[in-house]
Amino acid sequence: MFEESAQSEDEPTGDGDSRAGRSSDGVRDVPSRDARTGVLADRRRRYVLSRLEASGAPMAVADLADDVVRRETDRSPTAMQDERERIYVSLYHNHLPKLAAAELVRFDADRKLVELAADVGELPLDVPK
């Protein structure tokens, strides 16, 4: 379902001399535990990971936005259309790209789908309401 990037390793990525996902010596960069933990400082991101883990399958960003609306407002997404749109945009442009950069999810922005990329069982995903 999720394909590797079609970008050639020789193409510049706009991030200096190193290629995306690779350090200057050509070794693949792996997010550190601290980097992953930093991404998890946000309650909404932890909820997204716990929701994806519970689903066990890829989810549409729209469905995640609906779940977040229900969780954060205790109301139906249809009753909170403006809030739903704001949350959708926040997930799409902020939270999911950060989770993907930490290699915790695979986010297909074109198809608007997201799935877990890592075992999150060891991560602190407690999400108090």
C-alpha atoms as a PDB file:
ATOM      1  CA  MET A   1       0.000   0.000   0.000  1.00  0.00           C
ATOM      2  CA  PHE A   2       2.642   2.522   0.981  1.00  0.00           C
ATOM      3  CA  GLU A   3       5.471   2.733  -1.487  1.00  0.00           C
ATOM      4  CA  GLU A   4       8.954   3.985  -0.885  1.00  0.00           C
ATOM      5  CA  SER A   5       9.715   7.471  -2.121  1.00  0.00           C
ATOM      6  CA  ALA A   6      10.358   7.704  -5.839  1.00  0.00           C
ATOM      7  CA  GLN A   7      13.013  10.367  -5.245  1.00  0.00           C
ATOM      8  CA  SER A   8      16.467   9.337  -6.338  1.00  0.00           C
ATOM      9  CA  GLU A   9      19.131   9.299  -3.660  1.00  0.00           C
ATOM     10  CA  ASP A  10      21.176  11.580  -5.898  1.00  0.00           C
ATOM     11  CA  GLU A  11      18.512  14.283  -6.075  1.00  0.00           C
ATOM     12  CA  PRO A  12      18.919  17.224  -3.711  1.00  0.00           C
ATOM     13  CA  THR A  13      16.301  17.524  -1.042  1.00  0.00           C
ATOM     14  CA  GLY A  14      16.811  21.098  -0.009  1.00  0.00           C
ATOM     15  CA  ASP A  15      18.260  20.147   3.370  1.00  0.00           C
ATOM     16  CA  GLY A  16      21.914  20.885   2.787  1.00  0.00           C
ATOM     17  CA  ASP A  17      24.431  18.343   1.535  1.00  0.00           C
ATOM     18  CA  SER A  18      22.830  15.239   2.991  1.00  0.00           C
ATOM     19  CA  ARG A  19      20.143  13.264   1.202  1.00  0.00           C
ATOM     20  CA  ALA A  20      16.751  12.633   2.767  1.00  0.00           C
ATOM     21  CA  GLY A  21      17.031   9.911   5.369  1.00  0.00           C
ATOM     22  CA  ARG A  22      20.802   9.651   4.979  1.00  0.00           C
ATOM     23  CA  SER A  23      23.669  11.296   6.793  1.00  0.00           C
ATOM     24  CA  SER A  24      26.598  12.830   4.914  1.00  0.00           C
ATOM     25  CA  ASP A  25      28.431   9.478   5.089  1.00  0.00           C
ATOM     26  CA  GLY A  26      25.525   7.699   3.333  1.00  0.00           C
ATOM     27  CA  VAL A  27      24.301   5.832   6.423  1.00  0.00           C
ATOM     28  CA  ARG A  28      20.554   5.914   6.932  1.00  0.00           C
ATOM     29  CA  ASP A  29      19.500   8.281   9.720  1.00  0.00           C
ATOM     30  CA  VAL A  30      17.300   6.659  12.350  1.00  0.00           C
ATOM     31  CA  PRO A  31      15.342   8.874  14.699  1.00  0.00           C
ATOM     32  CA  SER A  32      16.754   8.723  18.197  1.00  0.00           C
ATOM     33  CA  ARG A  33      14.668   7.638  21.152  1.00  0.00           C
ATOM     34  CA  ASP A  34      14.797  11.257  22.370  1.00  0.00           C
ATOM     35  CA  ALA A  35      13.454  12.493  19.026  1.00  0.00           C
ATOM     36  CA  ARG A  36      10.602   9.996  19.164  1.00  0.00           C
ATOM     37  CA  THR A  37       9.868  10.887  22.763  1.00  0.00           C
ATOM     38  CA  GLY A  38       9.812  14.582  21.819  1.00  0.00           C
ATOM     39  CA  VAL A  39       7.215  13.889  19.140  1.00  0.00           C
ATOM     40  CA  LEU A  40       5.127  12.086  21.763  1.00  0.00           C
ATOM     41  CA  ALA A  41       5.012  15.155  24.001  1.00  0.00           C
ATOM     42  CA  ASP A  42       1.827  16.154  22.178  1.00  0.00           C
ATOM     43  CA  ARG A  43      -1.340  14.462  23.483  1.00  0.00           C
ATOM     44  CA  ARG A  44      -3.012  14.449  20.053  1.00  0.00           C
ATOM     45  CA  ARG A  45      -0.075  12.573  18.495  1.00  0.00           C
ATOM     46  CA  ARG A  46      -0.179   9.972  21.268  1.00  0.00           C
ATOM     47  CA  TYR A  47      -3.906   9.551  20.647  1.00  0.00           C
ATOM     48  CA  VAL A  48      -3.336   9.101  16.904  1.00  0.00           C
ATOM     49  CA  LEU A  49      -0.795   6.348  17.593  1.00  0.00           C
ATOM     50  CA  SER A  50      -3.050   4.596  20.095  1.00  0.00           C
ATOM     51  CA  ARG A  51      -5.990   4.840  17.665  1.00  0.00           C
ATOM     52  CA  LEU A  52      -3.917   3.397  14.803  1.00  0.00           C
ATOM     53  CA  GLU A  53      -2.694   0.612  17.065  1.00  0.00           C
ATOM     54  CA  ALA A  54      -6.275  -0.205  18.062  1.00  0.00           C
ATOM     55  CA  SER A  55      -7.462  -0.235  14.442  1.00  0.00           C
ATOM     56  CA  GLY A  56      -4.686  -2.544  13.276  1.00  0.00           C
ATOM     57  CA  ALA A  57      -5.107  -1.193   9.750  1.00  0.00           C
ATOM     58  CA  PRO A  58      -4.420   1.961   7.729  1.00  0.00           C
ATOM     59  CA  MET A  59      -6.867   4.768   8.395  1.00  0.00           C
ATOM     60  CA  ALA A  60      -8.072   7.720   6.381  1.00  0.00           C
ATOM     61  CA  VAL A  61      -7.029  11.084   7.801  1.00  0.00           C
ATOM     62  CA  ALA A  62     -10.704  12.120   7.757  1.00  0.00           C
ATOM     63  CA  ASP A  63     -11.609   9.174  10.002  1.00  0.00           C
ATOM     64  CA  LEU A  64      -8.817  10.097  12.411  1.00  0.00           C
ATOM     65  CA  ALA A  65     -10.066  13.686  12.478  1.00  0.00           C
ATOM     66  CA  ASP A  66     -13.567  12.434  13.334  1.00  0.00           C
ATOM     67  CA  ASP A  67     -12.157  10.322  16.184  1.00  0.00           C
ATOM     68  CA  VAL A  68     -10.179  13.273  17.543  1.00  0.00           C
ATOM     69  CA  VAL A  69     -13.282  15.499  17.452  1.00  0.00           C
ATOM     70  CA  ARG A  70     -15.290  12.879  19.360  1.00  0.00           C
ATOM     71  CA  ARG A  71     -12.512  12.463  21.928  1.00  0.00           C
ATOM     72  CA  GLU A  72     -11.753  16.150  22.463  1.00  0.00           C
ATOM     73  CA  THR A  73     -15.303  17.536  22.383  1.00  0.00           C
ATOM     74  CA  ASP A  74     -17.571  14.584  23.289  1.00  0.00           C
ATOM     75  CA  ARG A  75     -19.708  15.633  20.327  1.00  0.00           C
ATOM     76  CA  SER A  76     -20.419  14.302  16.868  1.00  0.00           C
ATOM     77  CA  PRO A  77     -18.081  15.498  14.095  1.00  0.00           C
ATOM     78  CA  THR A  78     -21.123  16.564  12.056  1.00  0.00           C
ATOM     79  CA  ALA A  79     -22.179  18.861  14.912  1.00  0.00           C
ATOM     80  CA  MET A  80     -18.681  20.334  15.060  1.00  0.00           C
ATOM     81  CA  GLN A  81     -17.864  20.812  11.359  1.00  0.00           C
ATOM     82  CA  ASP A  82     -15.564  23.830  11.868  1.00  0.00           C
ATOM     83  CA  GLU A  83     -13.674  22.031  14.639  1.00  0.00           C
ATOM     84  CA  ARG A  84     -13.427  18.891  12.499  1.00  0.00           C
ATOM     85  CA  GLU A  85     -11.920  20.870   9.623  1.00  0.00           C
ATOM     86  CA  ARG A  86      -9.418  22.571  11.941  1.00  0.00           C
ATOM     87  CA  ILE A  87      -8.361  19.212  13.403  1.00  0.00           C
ATOM     88  CA  TYR A  88      -8.101  17.616   9.951  1.00  0.00           C
ATOM     89  CA  VAL A  89      -5.774  20.403   8.768  1.00  0.00           C
ATOM     90  CA  SER A  90      -3.726  20.120  11.960  1.00  0.00           C
ATOM     91  CA  LEU A  91      -3.318  16.360  11.507  1.00  0.00           C
ATOM     92  CA  TYR A  92      -2.528  16.583   7.798  1.00  0.00           C
ATOM     93  CA  HIS A  93      -0.034  19.452   7.917  1.00  0.00           C
ATOM     94  CA  ASN A  94       1.474  19.155  11.392  1.00  0.00           C
ATOM     95  CA  HIS A  95       1.013  15.993  13.431  1.00  0.00           C
ATOM     96  CA  LEU A  96       1.177  13.246  10.807  1.00  0.00           C
ATOM     97  CA  PRO A  97       4.300  14.610   9.066  1.00  0.00           C
ATOM     98  CA  LYS A  98       6.061  14.802  12.455  1.00  0.00           C
ATOM     99  CA  LEU A  99       5.058  11.243  13.329  1.00  0.00           C
ATOM    100  CA  ALA A 100       6.249  10.118   9.884  1.00  0.00           C
ATOM    101  CA  ALA A 101       9.596  11.909  10.315  1.00  0.00           C
ATOM    102  CA  ALA A 102      10.037  10.031  13.598  1.00  0.00           C
ATOM    103  CA  GLU A 103       9.270   6.817  11.657  1.00  0.00           C
ATOM    104  CA  LEU A 104       6.304   6.015  13.868  1.00  0.00           C
ATOM    105  CA  VAL A 105       3.754   6.136  11.030  1.00  0.00           C
ATOM    106  CA  ARG A 106       3.701   5.914   7.256  1.00  0.00           C
ATOM    107  CA  PHE A 107       1.706   8.835   5.903  1.00  0.00           C
ATOM    108  CA  ASP A 108       0.554   8.849   2.287  1.00  0.00           C
ATOM    109  CA  ALA A 109      -0.423  12.493   1.842  1.00  0.00           C
ATOM    110  CA  ASP A 110      -1.680  11.951  -1.709  1.00  0.00           C
ATOM    111  CA  ARG A 111      -4.066   9.169  -0.703  1.00  0.00           C
ATOM    112  CA  LYS A 112      -4.709  10.742   2.710  1.00  0.00           C
ATOM    113  CA  LEU A 113      -3.951   7.477   4.520  1.00  0.00           C
ATOM    114  CA  VAL A 114      -1.857   6.745   7.578  1.00  0.00           C
ATOM    115  CA  GLU A 115      -0.709   3.528   9.251  1.00  0.00           C
ATOM    116  CA  LEU A 116       1.659   2.526  12.017  1.00  0.00           C
ATOM    117  CA  ALA A 117       5.240   2.055  10.905  1.00  0.00           C
ATOM    118  CA  ALA A 118       6.659   0.870  14.208  1.00  0.00           C
ATOM    119  CA  ASP A 119       5.696  -1.224  17.185  1.00  0.00           C
ATOM    120  CA  VAL A 120       4.380   1.355  19.616  1.00  0.00           C
ATOM    121  CA  GLY A 121       3.867  -1.114  22.448  1.00  0.00           C
ATOM    122  CA  GLU A 122       6.871   0.197  24.350  1.00  0.00           C
ATOM    123  CA  LEU A 123       6.037   3.880  23.888  1.00  0.00           C
ATOM    124  CA  PRO A 124       4.201   5.931  26.528  1.00  0.00           C
ATOM    125  CA  LEU A 125       0.841   6.422  24.819  1.00  0.00           C
ATOM    126  CA  ASP A 126      -1.336   7.081  27.862  1.00  0.00           C
ATOM    127  CA  VAL A 127      -3.771   9.725  26.736  1.00  0.00           C
ATOM    128  CA  PRO A 128      -5.769  11.184  29.620  1.00  0.00           C
ATOM    129  CA  LYS A 129      -8.917  12.907  28.552  1.00  0.00           C
END
